Amino acid sequence: MKKIFYKCTDSVMELMAYYFGLIVASSFVYGFFEGKGWFDSIWWAVVTSMTVGYGDMYPVTVGGRIVAMTLMIVMAFLILPMLIAKMITILSPDRNEFSHEEQEQIKNLLTKIAERV
């Protein structure tokens, strides 16, 4: 299961798709339970997922509160850490990574060794 989920999150674009999908799904369910319009629901989902919590809108129904708890937990402990980690790995260079020239030299040396054996 871990490898399948990791494979589904190879790029920042895929993680952003999960993020926006969760926002849309949460806002739809929140709007259903709370009787809010689509824009208010999207606003609530974005504010809640980013843990800003202005307090202008909050769930009052049990269903709305369950949606809020799920959105906060999934965003804070799953989506955002993976997105941040992926962006850090993209932005920070791996100092142990071989350059193209070094890879070619290693390949040539291995070829020479294989010819001697």
Protein backbone atom coordinates (compact mmCIF):
# COMPACT_ATOMS: atom_id res chain seq x y z
CA MET A 1 0.00 0.00 0.00
CA LYS A 2 2.80 2.41 0.90
CA LYS A 3 4.55 1.92 -2.44
CA ILE A 4 1.32 2.40 -4.36
CA PHE A 5 0.56 5.69 -2.60
CA TYR A 6 4.17 6.85 -2.97
CA LYS A 7 4.04 6.10 -6.70
CA CYS A 8 0.87 8.20 -6.96
CA THR A 9 2.69 11.17 -5.45
CA ASP A 10 5.80 11.34 -7.59
CA SER A 11 5.25 14.92 -8.69
CA VAL A 12 4.21 18.21 -7.16
CA MET A 13 1.39 18.41 -9.70
CA GLU A 14 -0.09 15.13 -8.44
CA LEU A 15 0.09 16.33 -4.85
CA MET A 16 -1.55 19.61 -5.84
CA ALA A 17 -4.29 17.62 -7.57
CA TYR A 18 -4.88 15.73 -4.31
CA TYR A 19 -4.94 19.03 -2.44
CA PHE A 20 -7.48 20.66 -4.75
CA GLY A 21 -9.52 17.46 -4.95
CA LEU A 22 -9.75 17.36 -1.18
CA ILE A 23 -10.73 21.04 -1.08
CA VAL A 24 -13.50 20.54 -3.63
CA ALA A 25 -14.81 17.36 -2.01
CA SER A 26 -14.75 18.88 1.47
CA SER A 27 -16.45 22.05 0.33
CA PHE A 28 -19.17 20.05 -1.44
CA VAL A 29 -19.91 17.92 1.64
CA TYR A 30 -19.65 20.93 3.98
CA GLY A 31 -22.09 22.89 1.80
CA PHE A 32 -24.48 19.96 1.84
CA PHE A 33 -24.48 19.61 5.63
CA GLU A 34 -24.37 23.32 6.43
CA GLY A 35 -26.62 24.61 3.65
CA LYS A 36 -23.98 26.99 2.28
CA GLY A 37 -23.37 28.10 -1.30
CA TRP A 38 -20.45 26.86 -3.39
CA PHE A 39 -18.28 29.96 -2.95
CA ASP A 40 -18.78 30.08 0.83
CA SER A 41 -18.03 26.37 1.02
CA ILE A 42 -14.82 26.71 -1.00
CA TRP A 43 -13.79 29.66 1.15
CA TRP A 44 -14.40 27.65 4.30
CA ALA A 45 -12.47 24.63 2.97
CA VAL A 46 -9.42 26.69 1.98
CA VAL A 47 -9.34 28.63 5.26
CA THR A 48 -9.79 25.45 7.28
CA SER A 49 -7.27 23.38 5.32
CA MET A 50 -4.61 26.05 5.72
CA THR A 51 -5.37 26.18 9.48
CA VAL A 52 -6.09 29.90 9.33
CA GLY A 53 -9.57 29.72 10.85
CA TYR A 54 -10.83 33.29 10.58
CA GLY A 55 -13.97 32.34 12.49
CA ASP A 56 -16.33 33.92 9.99
CA MET A 57 -17.75 30.48 9.13
CA TYR A 58 -17.68 27.32 11.14
CA PRO A 59 -19.66 24.09 11.13
CA VAL A 60 -22.62 23.78 13.45
CA THR A 61 -23.96 20.38 12.35
CA VAL A 62 -22.42 17.05 13.32
CA GLY A 63 -21.79 16.21 9.65
CA GLY A 64 -20.10 19.55 9.06
CA ARG A 65 -17.89 19.08 12.09
CA ILE A 66 -16.86 15.60 10.95
CA VAL A 67 -15.95 17.04 7.53
CA ALA A 68 -13.94 19.78 9.25
CA MET A 69 -12.04 17.35 11.46
CA THR A 70 -11.27 15.08 8.52
CA LEU A 71 -10.10 17.99 6.37
CA MET A 72 -7.85 19.37 9.10
CA ILE A 73 -6.28 16.01 9.93
CA VAL A 74 -5.70 14.94 6.33
CA MET A 75 -4.23 18.30 5.33
CA ALA A 76 -2.05 18.81 8.39
CA PHE A 77 -0.69 15.28 8.66
CA LEU A 78 -0.70 13.93 5.11
CA ILE A 79 -1.01 16.28 2.13
CA LEU A 80 0.95 19.35 3.28
CA PRO A 81 3.95 17.45 4.74
CA MET A 82 4.27 15.41 1.55
CA LEU A 83 3.98 18.54 -0.59
CA ILE A 84 6.59 20.38 1.48
CA ALA A 85 8.95 17.39 1.46
CA LYS A 86 8.61 17.01 -2.31
CA MET A 87 9.31 20.71 -2.88
CA ILE A 88 12.36 20.57 -0.60
CA THR A 89 13.79 17.59 -2.49
CA ILE A 90 13.29 19.46 -5.77
CA LEU A 91 14.87 22.69 -4.50
CA SER A 92 17.83 21.25 -2.59
CA PRO A 93 20.52 19.62 -4.69
CA ASP A 94 21.87 16.19 -3.81
CA ARG A 95 25.58 16.72 -3.25
CA ASN A 96 26.24 12.99 -3.60
CA GLU A 97 24.65 12.74 -7.04
CA PHE A 98 27.01 11.99 -9.92
CA SER A 99 27.21 14.50 -12.77
CA HIS A 100 26.73 13.33 -16.34
CA GLU A 101 30.47 13.46 -16.96
CA GLU A 102 31.19 11.38 -13.86
CA GLN A 103 28.61 8.81 -14.93
CA GLU A 104 30.23 8.54 -18.36
CA GLN A 105 33.68 8.08 -16.78
CA ILE A 106 32.37 5.32 -14.52
CA LYS A 107 30.69 3.64 -17.47
CA ASN A 108 33.93 3.74 -19.47
CA LEU A 109 35.95 2.37 -16.55
CA LEU A 110 33.47 -0.46 -16.06
CA THR A 111 33.65 -1.29 -19.75
CA LYS A 112 37.46 -1.45 -19.57
CA ILE A 113 37.29 -3.68 -16.51
CA ALA A 114 34.77 -5.98 -18.19
CA GLU A 115 37.03 -6.29 -21.25
CA ARG A 116 39.98 -7.40 -19.09
CA VAL A 117 38.02 -10.14 -17.38
